[in-house]
Amino acid sequence: TQLEMRKRETLYGEFIAECAKLLMDAFTHSLDAPEKLLPLYAMLNRIRLSASQPVLAEAERLLTRITDQYFEKNLTLDEMRDLAHSEGADPLRTFGEACRLELKSVRGAA
């Protein structure tokens, strides 16, 4: 339904925004306050309620990537620039693509 689509789009958008914020933080900081990951875990579990398996798998992969990044060495500005120009520069891309495919499928089924 149209309402279900809007709810998913909103949730996925919120998840993307939170992931982007935390990923940038993880590039330059260690995990000093583990509770900063709580909103992301809450959103992941909301995603788990209605998302397709591919969207859920990508959301889980993204959360793992962010958590792992907090335990890596902090990146310098030069390393961040190099990362931005690398092949896999956008860590949110596969989640976004999975969401797009799911939403297209839901639209088609309606």
PDB file of N, CA and C in Angstrom:
ATOM      1  N   THR A   1       0.837  -1.191   0.000  1.00  0.00           N
ATOM      2  CA  THR A   1       0.000   0.000   0.000  1.00  0.00           C
ATOM      3  C   THR A   1       0.879   1.251   0.000  1.00  0.00           C
ATOM      4  N   GLN A   2       0.259   2.366  -0.321  1.00  0.00           N
ATOM      5  CA  GLN A   2       0.970   3.647  -0.376  1.00  0.00           C
ATOM      6  C   GLN A   2       1.529   4.032   1.004  1.00  0.00           C
ATOM      7  N   LEU A   3       0.744   3.810   2.037  1.00  0.00           N
ATOM      8  CA  LEU A   3       1.185   4.136   3.395  1.00  0.00           C
ATOM      9  C   LEU A   3       2.395   3.288   3.793  1.00  0.00           C
ATOM     10  N   GLU A   4       2.337   2.005   3.486  1.00  0.00           N
ATOM     11  CA  GLU A   4       3.450   1.098   3.796  1.00  0.00           C
ATOM     12  C   GLU A   4       4.718   1.553   3.068  1.00  0.00           C
ATOM     13  N   MET A   5       4.585   1.964   1.831  1.00  0.00           N
ATOM     14  CA  MET A   5       5.733   2.451   1.051  1.00  0.00           C
ATOM     15  C   MET A   5       6.357   3.677   1.711  1.00  0.00           C
ATOM     16  N   ARG A   6       5.516   4.620   2.101  1.00  0.00           N
ATOM     17  CA  ARG A   6       6.030   5.843   2.737  1.00  0.00           C
ATOM     18  C   ARG A   6       6.732   5.520   4.048  1.00  0.00           C
ATOM     19  N   LYS A   7       6.170   4.590   4.828  1.00  0.00           N
ATOM     20  CA  LYS A   7       6.792   4.210   6.098  1.00  0.00           C
ATOM     21  C   LYS A   7       8.184   3.620   5.866  1.00  0.00           C
ATOM     22  N   ARG A   8       8.268   2.720   4.878  1.00  0.00           N
ATOM     23  CA  ARG A   8       9.572   2.114   4.576  1.00  0.00           C
ATOM     24  C   ARG A   8      10.559   3.158   4.073  1.00  0.00           C
ATOM     25  N   GLU A   9      10.122   4.009   3.152  1.00  0.00           N
ATOM     26  CA  GLU A   9      11.011   5.047   2.624  1.00  0.00           C
ATOM     27  C   GLU A   9      11.531   5.934   3.744  1.00  0.00           C
ATOM     28  N   THR A  10      10.666   6.309   4.674  1.00  0.00           N
ATOM     29  CA  THR A  10      11.067   7.145   5.804  1.00  0.00           C
ATOM     30  C   THR A  10      12.065   6.411   6.692  1.00  0.00           C
ATOM     31  N   LEU A  11      11.765   5.177   7.046  1.00  0.00           N
ATOM     32  CA  LEU A  11      12.648   4.386   7.902  1.00  0.00           C
ATOM     33  C   LEU A  11      14.000   4.176   7.237  1.00  0.00           C
ATOM     34  N   TYR A  12      13.994   3.796   5.965  1.00  0.00           N
ATOM     35  CA  TYR A  12      15.260   3.553   5.269  1.00  0.00           C
ATOM     36  C   TYR A  12      16.062   4.845   5.160  1.00  0.00           C
ATOM     37  N   GLY A  13      15.382   5.963   4.930  1.00  0.00           N
ATOM     38  CA  GLY A  13      16.063   7.254   4.869  1.00  0.00           C
ATOM     39  C   GLY A  13      16.696   7.625   6.202  1.00  0.00           C
ATOM     40  N   GLU A  14      15.975   7.384   7.292  1.00  0.00           N
ATOM     41  CA  GLU A  14      16.517   7.656   8.630  1.00  0.00           C
ATOM     42  C   GLU A  14      17.735   6.776   8.910  1.00  0.00           C
ATOM     43  N   PHE A  15      17.650   5.527   8.505  1.00  0.00           N
ATOM     44  CA  PHE A  15      18.751   4.585   8.711  1.00  0.00           C
ATOM     45  C   PHE A  15      19.988   5.048   7.932  1.00  0.00           C
ATOM     46  N   ILE A  16      19.788   5.452   6.686  1.00  0.00           N
ATOM     47  CA  ILE A  16      20.895   5.927   5.863  1.00  0.00           C
ATOM     48  C   ILE A  16      21.543   7.156   6.504  1.00  0.00           C
ATOM     49  N   ALA A  17      20.726   8.101   6.961  1.00  0.00           N
ATOM     50  CA  ALA A  17      21.257   9.316   7.579  1.00  0.00           C
ATOM     51  C   ALA A  17      22.066   8.988   8.838  1.00  0.00           C
ATOM     52  N   GLU A  18      21.548   8.105   9.666  1.00  0.00           N
ATOM     53  CA  GLU A  18      22.248   7.732  10.901  1.00  0.00           C
ATOM     54  C   GLU A  18      23.538   6.976  10.587  1.00  0.00           C
ATOM     55  N   CYS A  19      23.491   6.087   9.599  1.00  0.00           N
ATOM     56  CA  CYS A  19      24.697   5.349   9.202  1.00  0.00           C
ATOM     57  C   CYS A  19      25.767   6.300   8.684  1.00  0.00           C
ATOM     58  N   ALA A  20      25.367   7.248   7.854  1.00  0.00           N
ATOM     59  CA  ALA A  20      26.329   8.203   7.305  1.00  0.00           C
ATOM     60  C   ALA A  20      27.006   8.989   8.424  1.00  0.00           C
ATOM     61  N   LYS A  21      26.207   9.444   9.381  1.00  0.00           N
ATOM     62  CA  LYS A  21      26.741  10.219  10.502  1.00  0.00           C
ATOM     63  C   LYS A  21      27.731   9.381  11.313  1.00  0.00           C
ATOM     64  N   LEU A  22      27.333   8.161  11.648  1.00  0.00           N
ATOM     65  CA  LEU A  22      28.196   7.319  12.476  1.00  0.00           C
ATOM     66  C   LEU A  22      29.426   6.825  11.724  1.00  0.00           C
ATOM     67  N   LEU A  23      29.284   6.592  10.439  1.00  0.00           N
ATOM     68  CA  LEU A  23      30.442   6.149   9.663  1.00  0.00           C
ATOM     69  C   LEU A  23      31.504   7.242   9.612  1.00  0.00           C
ATOM     70  N   MET A  24      31.080   8.476   9.396  1.00  0.00           N
ATOM     71  CA  MET A  24      32.037   9.588   9.395  1.00  0.00           C
ATOM     72  C   MET A  24      32.691   9.719  10.769  1.00  0.00           C
ATOM     73  N   ASP A  25      31.907   9.534  11.822  1.00  0.00           N
ATOM     74  CA  ASP A  25      32.463   9.586  13.174  1.00  0.00           C
ATOM     75  C   ASP A  25      33.474   8.456  13.371  1.00  0.00           C
ATOM     76  N   ALA A  26      33.136   7.264  12.874  1.00  0.00           N
ATOM     77  CA  ALA A  26      34.005   6.096  13.058  1.00  0.00           C
ATOM     78  C   ALA A  26      35.327   6.233  12.301  1.00  0.00           C
ATOM     79  N   PHE A  27      35.323   6.987  11.200  1.00  0.00           N
ATOM     80  CA  PHE A  27      36.566   7.195  10.459  1.00  0.00           C
ATOM     81  C   PHE A  27      37.583   7.993  11.261  1.00  0.00           C
ATOM     82  N   THR A  28      37.103   8.839  12.157  1.00  0.00           N
ATOM     83  CA  THR A  28      38.014   9.739  12.861  1.00  0.00           C
ATOM     84  C   THR A  28      38.027   9.584  14.380  1.00  0.00           C
ATOM     85  N   HIS A  29      37.244   8.645  14.903  1.00  0.00           N
ATOM     86  CA  HIS A  29      37.184   8.449  16.355  1.00  0.00           C
ATOM     87  C   HIS A  29      37.133   6.963  16.699  1.00  0.00           C
ATOM     88  N   SER A  30      37.544   6.652  17.906  1.00  0.00           N
ATOM     89  CA  SER A  30      37.320   5.318  18.468  1.00  0.00           C
ATOM     90  C   SER A  30      35.941   5.329  19.110  1.00  0.00           C
ATOM     91  N   LEU A  31      35.451   4.161  19.452  1.00  0.00           N
ATOM     92  CA  LEU A  31      34.127   4.065  20.072  1.00  0.00           C
ATOM     93  C   LEU A  31      34.257   4.402  21.554  1.00  0.00           C
ATOM     94  N   ASP A  32      34.080   5.674  21.874  1.00  0.00           N
ATOM     95  CA  ASP A  32      34.217   6.130  23.252  1.00  0.00           C
ATOM     96  C   ASP A  32      32.913   6.003  24.023  1.00  0.00           C
ATOM     97  N   ALA A  33      31.793   5.985  23.307  1.00  0.00           N
ATOM     98  CA  ALA A  33      30.478   5.883  23.952  1.00  0.00           C
ATOM     99  C   ALA A  33      29.631   4.876  23.157  1.00  0.00           C
ATOM    100  N   PRO A  34      29.679   3.604  23.553  1.00  0.00           N
ATOM    101  CA  PRO A  34      28.955   2.580  22.799  1.00  0.00           C
ATOM    102  C   PRO A  34      27.467   2.876  22.612  1.00  0.00           C
ATOM    103  N   GLU A  35      26.888   3.666  23.514  1.00  0.00           N
ATOM    104  CA  GLU A  35      25.456   3.962  23.392  1.00  0.00           C
ATOM    105  C   GLU A  35      25.138   4.786  22.147  1.00  0.00           C
ATOM    106  N   LYS A  36      26.153   5.365  21.510  1.00  0.00           N
ATOM    107  CA  LYS A  36      25.876   6.107  20.278  1.00  0.00           C
ATOM    108  C   LYS A  36      25.402   5.183  19.157  1.00  0.00           C
ATOM    109  N   LEU A  37      25.630   3.863  19.298  1.00  0.00           N
ATOM    110  CA  LEU A  37      25.148   2.889  18.309  1.00  0.00           C
ATOM    111  C   LEU A  37      23.696   2.469  18.548  1.00  0.00           C
ATOM    112  N   LEU A  38      23.144   2.794  19.710  1.00  0.00           N
ATOM    113  CA  LEU A  38      21.785   2.347  20.048  1.00  0.00           C
ATOM    114  C   LEU A  38      20.721   2.775  19.043  1.00  0.00           C
ATOM    115  N   PRO A  39      20.699   4.032  18.580  1.00  0.00           N
ATOM    116  CA  PRO A  39      19.664   4.396  17.597  1.00  0.00           C
ATOM    117  C   PRO A  39      19.739   3.549  16.325  1.00  0.00           C
ATOM    118  N   LEU A  40      20.955   3.184  15.939  1.00  0.00           N
ATOM    119  CA  LEU A  40      21.130   2.363  14.748  1.00  0.00           C
ATOM    120  C   LEU A  40      20.587   0.949  14.974  1.00  0.00           C
ATOM    121  N   TYR A  41      20.844   0.388  16.150  1.00  0.00           N
ATOM    122  CA  TYR A  41      20.297  -0.929  16.473  1.00  0.00           C
ATOM    123  C   TYR A  41      18.772  -0.880  16.531  1.00  0.00           C
ATOM    124  N   ALA A  42      18.222   0.184  17.070  1.00  0.00           N
ATOM    125  CA  ALA A  42      16.762   0.326  17.131  1.00  0.00           C
ATOM    126  C   ALA A  42      16.177   0.366  15.721  1.00  0.00           C
ATOM    127  N   MET A  43      16.798   1.149  14.838  1.00  0.00           N
ATOM    128  CA  MET A  43      16.303   1.225  13.461  1.00  0.00           C
ATOM    129  C   MET A  43      16.458  -0.104  12.741  1.00  0.00           C
ATOM    130  N   LEU A  44      17.574  -0.797  12.983  1.00  0.00           N
ATOM    131  CA  LEU A  44      17.780  -2.105  12.365  1.00  0.00           C
ATOM    132  C   LEU A  44      16.652  -3.051  12.752  1.00  0.00           C
ATOM    133  N   ASN A  45      16.245  -3.030  13.992  1.00  0.00           N
ATOM    134  CA  ASN A  45      15.178  -3.920  14.428  1.00  0.00           C
ATOM    135  C   ASN A  45      13.820  -3.497  13.883  1.00  0.00           C
ATOM    136  N   ARG A  46      13.623  -2.205  13.650  1.00  0.00           N
ATOM    137  CA  ARG A  46      12.402  -1.761  12.964  1.00  0.00           C
ATOM    138  C   ARG A  46      12.432  -2.223  11.510  1.00  0.00           C
ATOM    139  N   ILE A  47      13.594  -2.171  10.884  1.00  0.00           N
ATOM    140  CA  ILE A  47      13.741  -2.664   9.512  1.00  0.00           C
ATOM    141  C   ILE A  47      13.427  -4.155   9.469  1.00  0.00           C
ATOM    142  N   ARG A  48      13.890  -4.880  10.473  1.00  0.00           N
ATOM    143  CA  ARG A  48      13.686  -6.330  10.541  1.00  0.00           C
ATOM    144  C   ARG A  48      12.195  -6.698  10.519  1.00  0.00           C
ATOM    145  N   LEU A  49      11.336  -5.801  11.013  1.00  0.00           N
ATOM    146  CA  LEU A  49       9.895  -6.087  11.076  1.00  0.00           C
ATOM    147  C   LEU A  49       9.232  -6.196   9.713  1.00  0.00           C
ATOM    148  N   SER A  50       9.732  -5.447   8.712  1.00  0.00           N
ATOM    149  CA  SER A  50       9.004  -5.438   7.440  1.00  0.00           C
ATOM    150  C   SER A  50       9.863  -5.552   6.193  1.00  0.00           C
ATOM    151  N   ALA A  51      11.149  -5.457   6.319  1.00  0.00           N
ATOM    152  CA  ALA A  51      12.013  -5.426   5.139  1.00  0.00           C
ATOM    153  C   ALA A  51      12.176  -6.804   4.505  1.00  0.00           C
ATOM    154  N   SER A  52      12.532  -6.769   3.237  1.00  0.00           N
ATOM    155  CA  SER A  52      12.885  -8.005   2.536  1.00  0.00           C
ATOM    156  C   SER A  52      14.225  -8.501   3.082  1.00  0.00           C
ATOM    157  N   GLN A  53      14.530  -9.755   2.824  1.00  0.00           N
ATOM    158  CA  GLN A  53      15.787 -10.336   3.301  1.00  0.00           C
ATOM    159  C   GLN A  53      17.002  -9.592   2.745  1.00  0.00           C
ATOM    160  N   PRO A  54      17.019  -9.214   1.448  1.00  0.00           N
ATOM    161  CA  PRO A  54      18.192  -8.476   0.951  1.00  0.00           C
ATOM    162  C   PRO A  54      18.401  -7.130   1.650  1.00  0.00           C
ATOM    163  N   VAL A  55      17.334  -6.402   1.935  1.00  0.00           N
ATOM    164  CA  VAL A  55      17.465  -5.118   2.637  1.00  0.00           C
ATOM    165  C   VAL A  55      17.981  -5.357   4.049  1.00  0.00           C
ATOM    166  N   LEU A  56      17.419  -6.319   4.740  1.00  0.00           N
ATOM    167  CA  LEU A  56      17.857  -6.631   6.100  1.00  0.00           C
ATOM    168  C   LEU A  56      19.329  -7.044   6.121  1.00  0.00           C
ATOM    169  N   ALA A  57      19.725  -7.896   5.189  1.00  0.00           N
ATOM    170  CA  ALA A  57      21.121  -8.350   5.135  1.00  0.00           C
ATOM    171  C   ALA A  57      22.073  -7.178   4.916  1.00  0.00           C
ATOM    172  N   GLU A  58      21.702  -6.252   4.042  1.00  0.00           N
ATOM    173  CA  GLU A  58      22.555  -5.084   3.796  1.00  0.00           C
ATOM    174  C   GLU A  58      22.590  -4.157   5.006  1.00  0.00           C
ATOM    175  N   ALA A  59      21.467  -4.008   5.692  1.00  0.00           N
ATOM    176  CA  ALA A  59      21.430  -3.178   6.903  1.00  0.00           C
ATOM    177  C   ALA A  59      22.345  -3.778   7.973  1.00  0.00           C
ATOM    178  N   GLU A  60      22.285  -5.081   8.143  1.00  0.00           N
ATOM    179  CA  GLU A  60      23.145  -5.750   9.126  1.00  0.00           C
ATOM    180  C   GLU A  60      24.615  -5.620   8.746  1.00  0.00           C
ATOM    181  N   ARG A  61      24.915  -5.756   7.452  1.00  0.00           N
ATOM    182  CA  ARG A  61      26.286  -5.630   6.967  1.00  0.00           C
ATOM    183  C   ARG A  61      26.811  -4.221   7.244  1.00  0.00           C
ATOM    184  N   LEU A  62      25.960  -3.239   7.029  1.00  0.00           N
ATOM    185  CA  LEU A  62      26.348  -1.849   7.250  1.00  0.00           C
ATOM    186  C   LEU A  62      26.622  -1.575   8.727  1.00  0.00           C
ATOM    187  N   LEU A  63      25.797  -2.092   9.594  1.00  0.00           N
ATOM    188  CA  LEU A  63      26.011  -1.916  11.035  1.00  0.00           C
ATOM    189  C   LEU A  63      27.327  -2.572  11.468  1.00  0.00           C
ATOM    190  N   THR A  64      27.614  -3.745  10.928  1.00  0.00           N
ATOM    191  CA  THR A  64      28.879  -4.414  11.225  1.00  0.00           C
ATOM    192  C   THR A  64      30.058  -3.587  10.726  1.00  0.00           C
ATOM    193  N   ARG A  65      29.919  -3.043   9.518  1.00  0.00           N
ATOM    194  CA  ARG A  65      30.995  -2.215   8.945  1.00  0.00           C
ATOM    195  C   ARG A  65      31.276  -1.005   9.831  1.00  0.00           C
ATOM    196  N   ILE A  66      30.240  -0.353  10.298  1.00  0.00           N
ATOM    197  CA  ILE A  66      30.411   0.828  11.148  1.00  0.00           C
ATOM    198  C   ILE A  66      31.061   0.435  12.465  1.00  0.00           C
ATOM    199  N   THR A  67      30.565  -0.625  13.077  1.00  0.00           N
ATOM    200  CA  THR A  67      31.138  -1.080  14.349  1.00  0.00           C
ATOM    201  C   THR A  67      32.612  -1.436  14.174  1.00  0.00           C
ATOM    202  N   ASP A  68      32.928  -2.184  13.124  1.00  0.00           N
ATOM    203  CA  ASP A  68      34.324  -2.560  12.866  1.00  0.00           C
ATOM    204  C   ASP A  68      35.201  -1.329  12.653  1.00  0.00           C
ATOM    205  N   GLN A  69      34.667  -0.329  11.946  1.00  0.00           N
ATOM    206  CA  GLN A  69      35.444   0.875  11.661  1.00  0.00           C
ATOM    207  C   GLN A  69      35.849   1.595  12.951  1.00  0.00           C
ATOM    208  N   TYR A  70      34.983   1.556  13.948  1.00  0.00           N
ATOM    209  CA  TYR A  70      35.322   2.192  15.228  1.00  0.00           C
ATOM    210  C   TYR A  70      36.547   1.548  15.878  1.00  0.00           C
ATOM    211  N   PHE A  71      36.837   0.297  15.536  1.00  0.00           N
ATOM    212  CA  PHE A  71      37.966  -0.400  16.146  1.00  0.00           C
ATOM    213  C   PHE A  71      39.196  -0.429  15.244  1.00  0.00           C
ATOM    214  N   GLU A  72      39.108   0.210  14.084  1.00  0.00           N
ATOM    215  CA  GLU A  72      40.252   0.379  13.189  1.00  0.00           C
ATOM    216  C   GLU A  72      40.986   1.655  13.594  1.00  0.00           C
ATOM    217  N   LYS A  73      42.144   1.867  12.985  1.00  0.00           N
ATOM    218  CA  LYS A  73      42.851   3.118  13.275  1.00  0.00           C
ATOM    219  C   LYS A  73      42.083   4.271  12.639  1.00  0.00           C
ATOM    220  N   ASN A  74      42.169   5.423  13.281  1.00  0.00           N
ATOM    221  CA  ASN A  74      41.514   6.613  12.743  1.00  0.00           C
ATOM    222  C   ASN A  74      42.174   7.013  11.430  1.00  0.00           C
ATOM    223  N   LEU A  75      41.371   7.504  10.505  1.00  0.00           N
ATOM    224  CA  LEU A  75      41.889   7.906   9.207  1.00  0.00           C
ATOM    225  C   LEU A  75      42.353   9.362   9.239  1.00  0.00           C
ATOM    226  N   THR A  76      43.413   9.639   8.509  1.00  0.00           N
ATOM    227  CA  THR A  76      43.855  11.015   8.322  1.00  0.00           C
ATOM    228  C   THR A  76      43.004  11.630   7.212  1.00  0.00           C
ATOM    229  N   LEU A  77      43.100  12.938   7.039  1.00  0.00           N
ATOM    230  CA  LEU A  77      42.372  13.595   5.949  1.00  0.00           C
ATOM    231  C   LEU A  77      42.816  13.061   4.594  1.00  0.00           C
ATOM    232  N   ASP A  78      44.107  12.811   4.426  1.00  0.00           N
ATOM    233  CA  ASP A  78      44.604  12.255   3.164  1.00  0.00           C
ATOM    234  C   ASP A  78      44.030  10.858   2.913  1.00  0.00           C
ATOM    235  N   GLU A  79      43.955  10.043   3.952  1.00  0.00           N
ATOM    236  CA  GLU A  79      43.375   8.701   3.802  1.00  0.00           C
ATOM    237  C   GLU A  79      41.885   8.780   3.476  1.00  0.00           C
ATOM    238  N   MET A  80      41.190   9.747   4.055  1.00  0.00           N
ATOM    239  CA  MET A  80      39.767   9.916   3.748  1.00  0.00           C
ATOM    240  C   MET A  80      39.580  10.348   2.294  1.00  0.00           C
ATOM    241  N   ARG A  81      40.453  11.226   1.807  1.00  0.00           N
ATOM    242  CA  ARG A  81      40.391  11.635   0.403  1.00  0.00           C
ATOM    243  C   ARG A  81      40.634  10.435  -0.508  1.00  0.00           C
ATOM    244  N   ASP A  82      41.644   9.626  -0.181  1.00  0.00           N
ATOM    245  CA  ASP A  82      41.931   8.432  -0.981  1.00  0.00           C
ATOM    246  C   ASP A  82      40.748   7.474  -0.973  1.00  0.00           C
ATOM    247  N   LEU A  83      40.129   7.319   0.179  1.00  0.00           N
ATOM    248  CA  LEU A  83      38.961   6.448   0.293  1.00  0.00           C
ATOM    249  C   LEU A  83      37.809   6.963  -0.572  1.00  0.00           C
ATOM    250  N   ALA A  84      37.624   8.266  -0.573  1.00  0.00           N
ATOM    251  CA  ALA A  84      36.538   8.867  -1.358  1.00  0.00           C
ATOM    252  C   ALA A  84      36.717   8.624  -2.850  1.00  0.00           C
ATOM    253  N   HIS A  85      37.959   8.454  -3.284  1.00  0.00           N
ATOM    254  CA  HIS A  85      38.245   8.231  -4.706  1.00  0.00           C
ATOM    255  C   HIS A  85      38.411   6.748  -5.047  1.00  0.00           C
ATOM    256  N   SER A  86      38.212   5.884  -4.083  1.00  0.00           N
ATOM    257  CA  SER A  86      38.429   4.460  -4.311  1.00  0.00           C
ATOM    258  C   SER A  86      37.197   3.799  -4.927  1.00  0.00           C
ATOM    259  N   GLU A  87      37.382   2.586  -5.382  1.00  0.00           N
ATOM    260  CA  GLU A  87      36.319   1.809  -6.038  1.00  0.00           C
ATOM    261  C   GLU A  87      35.076   1.671  -5.164  1.00  0.00           C
ATOM    262  N   GLY A  88      35.247   1.294  -3.922  1.00  0.00           N
ATOM    263  CA  GLY A  88      34.108   1.094  -3.016  1.00  0.00           C
ATOM    264  C   GLY A  88      33.873   2.301  -2.123  1.00  0.00           C
ATOM    265  N   ALA A  89      33.929   3.481  -2.693  1.00  0.00           N
ATOM    266  CA  ALA A  89      33.889   4.717  -1.918  1.00  0.00           C
ATOM    267  C   ALA A  89      32.612   4.898  -1.108  1.00  0.00           C
ATOM    268  N   ASP A  90      31.498   4.418  -1.603  1.00  0.00           N
ATOM    269  CA  ASP A  90      30.220   4.656  -0.921  1.00  0.00           C
ATOM    270  C   ASP A  90      29.761   3.408  -0.182  1.00  0.00           C
ATOM    271  N   PRO A  91      30.017   3.320   1.121  1.00  0.00           N
ATOM    272  CA  PRO A  91      29.633   2.123   1.873  1.00  0.00           C
ATOM    273  C   PRO A  91      28.116   1.981   2.038  1.00  0.00           C
ATOM    274  N   LEU A  92      27.357   3.034   1.757  1.00  0.00           N
ATOM    275  CA  LEU A  92      25.899   2.986   1.892  1.00  0.00           C
ATOM    276  C   LEU A  92      25.216   2.535   0.599  1.00  0.00           C
ATOM    277  N   ARG A  93      25.971   2.446  -0.473  1.00  0.00           N
ATOM    278  CA  ARG A  93      25.400   2.189  -1.798  1.00  0.00           C
ATOM    279  C   ARG A  93      24.608   0.887  -1.886  1.00  0.00           C
ATOM    280  N   THR A  94      25.172  -0.208  -1.414  1.00  0.00           N
ATOM    281  CA  THR A  94      24.475  -1.491  -1.578  1.00  0.00           C
ATOM    282  C   THR A  94      23.184  -1.538  -0.760  1.00  0.00           C
ATOM    283  N   PHE A  95      23.167  -0.870   0.388  1.00  0.00           N
ATOM    284  CA  PHE A  95      21.920  -0.788   1.151  1.00  0.00           C
ATOM    285  C   PHE A  95      20.889   0.017   0.368  1.00  0.00           C
ATOM    286  N   GLY A  96      21.288   1.156  -0.151  1.00  0.00           N
ATOM    287  CA  GLY A  96      20.384   1.989  -0.937  1.00  0.00           C
ATOM    288  C   GLY A  96      19.842   1.268  -2.158  1.00  0.00           C
ATOM    289  N   GLU A  97      20.702   0.517  -2.824  1.00  0.00           N
ATOM    290  CA  GLU A  97      20.263  -0.241  -4.004  1.00  0.00           C
ATOM    291  C   GLU A  97      19.271  -1.332  -3.619  1.00  0.00           C
ATOM    292  N   ALA A  98      19.534  -2.015  -2.515  1.00  0.00           N
ATOM    293  CA  ALA A  98      18.611  -3.060  -2.052  1.00  0.00           C
ATOM    294  C   ALA A  98      17.253  -2.451  -1.714  1.00  0.00           C
ATOM    295  N   CYS A  99      17.263  -1.282  -1.091  1.00  0.00           N
ATOM    296  CA  CYS A  99      16.010  -0.585  -0.757  1.00  0.00           C
ATOM    297  C   CYS A  99      15.255  -0.200  -2.023  1.00  0.00           C
ATOM    298  N   ARG A 100      15.973   0.337  -3.006  1.00  0.00           N
ATOM    299  CA  ARG A 100      15.341   0.749  -4.259  1.00  0.00           C
ATOM    300  C   ARG A 100      14.660  -0.439  -4.933  1.00  0.00           C
ATOM    301  N   LEU A 101      15.354  -1.579  -4.997  1.00  0.00           N
ATOM    302  CA  LEU A 101      14.785  -2.776  -5.616  1.00  0.00           C
ATOM    303  C   LEU A 101      13.550  -3.255  -4.854  1.00  0.00           C
ATOM    304  N   GLU A 102      13.636  -3.237  -3.530  1.00  0.00           N
ATOM    305  CA  GLU A 102      12.497  -3.665  -2.727  1.00  0.00           C
ATOM    306  C   GLU A 102      11.291  -2.743  -2.952  1.00  0.00           C
ATOM    307  N   LEU A 103      11.509  -1.454  -2.902  1.00  0.00           N
ATOM    308  CA  LEU A 103      10.419  -0.502  -3.071  1.00  0.00           C
ATOM    309  C   LEU A 103       9.815  -0.592  -4.475  1.00  0.00           C
ATOM    310  N   LYS A 104      10.667  -0.816  -5.452  1.00  0.00           N
ATOM    311  CA  LYS A 104      10.166  -0.997  -6.837  1.00  0.00           C
ATOM    312  C   LYS A 104       9.294  -2.251  -6.913  1.00  0.00           C
ATOM    313  N   SER A 105       9.711  -3.305  -6.247  1.00  0.00           N
ATOM    314  CA  SER A 105       8.952  -4.556  -6.229  1.00  0.00           C
ATOM    315  C   SER A 105       7.610  -4.376  -5.530  1.00  0.00           C
ATOM    316  N   VAL A 106       7.619  -3.649  -4.413  1.00  0.00           N
ATOM    317  CA  VAL A 106       6.375  -3.408  -3.673  1.00  0.00           C
ATOM    318  C   VAL A 106       5.409  -2.558  -4.513  1.00  0.00           C
ATOM    319  N   ARG A 107       5.959  -1.554  -5.196  1.00  0.00           N
ATOM    320  CA  ARG A 107       5.124  -0.717  -6.078  1.00  0.00           C
ATOM    321  C   ARG A 107       4.490  -1.553  -7.180  1.00  0.00           C
ATOM    322  N   GLY A 108       5.297  -2.453  -7.753  1.00  0.00           N
ATOM    323  CA  GLY A 108       4.818  -3.305  -8.839  1.00  0.00           C
ATOM    324  C   GLY A 108       3.726  -4.267  -8.395  1.00  0.00           C
ATOM    325  N   ALA A 109       3.811  -4.695  -7.138  1.00  0.00           N
ATOM    326  CA  ALA A 109       2.830  -5.651  -6.618  1.00  0.00           C
ATOM    327  C   ALA A 109       1.513  -4.962  -6.231  1.00  0.00           C
ATOM    328  N   ALA A 110       1.557  -3.635  -6.061  1.00  0.00           N
ATOM    329  CA  ALA A 110       0.355  -2.906  -5.613  1.00  0.00           C
ATOM    330  C   ALA A 110      -0.618  -2.657  -6.743  1.00  0.00           C
TER     331      ALA A 110
END
